[in-house]
Amino acid sequence: MELFKRNKAATAVLAVLACVGVGAWIYQLMGGLAVTGMSNGVSWGAYITMFMFFVG
């Protein structure tokens, strides 16, 4: 029973983190990439590279 409680707590924490991530993603979609505060080409390149690495 103890293992079930720990798994339930871990699942709840991960669900909250997933919801925060989805909320941040929606905020970025609505506000554009300018909300990330990236102001030069290097940071944009790093952002796009990481996106392609993790998605593609």
Protein backbone atom coordinates (compact mmCIF):
# COMPACT_ATOMS: atom_id res chain seq x y z
CA MET A 1 0.00 0.00 0.00
CA GLU A 2 2.93 2.33 0.70
CA LEU A 3 4.21 1.91 -2.86
CA PHE A 4 0.79 2.83 -4.22
CA LYS A 5 0.79 6.08 -2.24
CA ARG A 6 4.27 7.02 -3.46
CA ASN A 7 3.34 6.24 -7.05
CA LYS A 8 0.19 8.28 -6.71
CA ALA A 9 2.16 11.24 -5.31
CA ALA A 10 4.79 10.98 -8.04
CA THR A 11 2.08 10.82 -10.69
CA ALA A 12 0.43 13.91 -9.23
CA VAL A 13 3.72 15.84 -9.26
CA LEU A 14 4.42 14.85 -12.85
CA ALA A 15 0.89 15.77 -13.88
CA VAL A 16 1.31 19.22 -12.36
CA LEU A 17 4.64 19.67 -14.16
CA ALA A 18 3.05 18.58 -17.43
CA CYS A 19 0.21 21.08 -16.94
CA VAL A 20 2.70 23.87 -16.24
CA GLY A 21 4.61 22.95 -19.39
CA VAL A 22 1.47 22.91 -21.51
CA GLY A 23 0.45 26.26 -20.03
CA ALA A 24 3.85 27.76 -20.87
CA TRP A 25 3.63 26.36 -24.38
CA ILE A 26 0.16 27.87 -24.90
CA TYR A 27 1.40 31.21 -23.54
CA GLN A 28 4.25 31.10 -26.03
CA LEU A 29 1.91 30.19 -28.89
CA MET A 30 -0.40 33.07 -28.04
CA GLY A 31 2.34 35.64 -27.41
CA GLY A 32 4.79 34.53 -30.04
CA LEU A 33 8.44 33.68 -29.58
CA ALA A 34 9.09 37.21 -28.34
CA VAL A 35 7.85 36.15 -24.88
CA THR A 36 11.01 34.06 -24.53
CA GLY A 37 13.08 37.24 -24.37
CA MET A 38 15.46 36.15 -27.10
CA SER A 39 17.00 39.22 -28.64
CA ASN A 40 19.89 37.99 -30.77
CA GLY A 41 20.48 35.43 -33.49
CA VAL A 42 22.50 33.03 -31.36
CA SER A 43 19.70 32.43 -28.89
CA TRP A 44 17.18 32.01 -31.70
CA GLY A 45 19.47 29.49 -33.38
CA ALA A 46 19.86 27.56 -30.14
CA TYR A 47 16.09 27.58 -29.62
CA ILE A 48 15.35 26.28 -33.10
CA THR A 49 18.14 23.70 -32.88
CA MET A 50 16.82 22.34 -29.58
CA PHE A 51 13.29 22.28 -30.98
CA MET A 52 14.43 20.28 -34.00
CA PHE A 53 16.50 17.95 -31.83
CA PHE A 54 13.71 17.13 -29.38
CA VAL A 55 10.81 17.09 -31.86
CA GLY A 56 12.48 15.76 -34.98
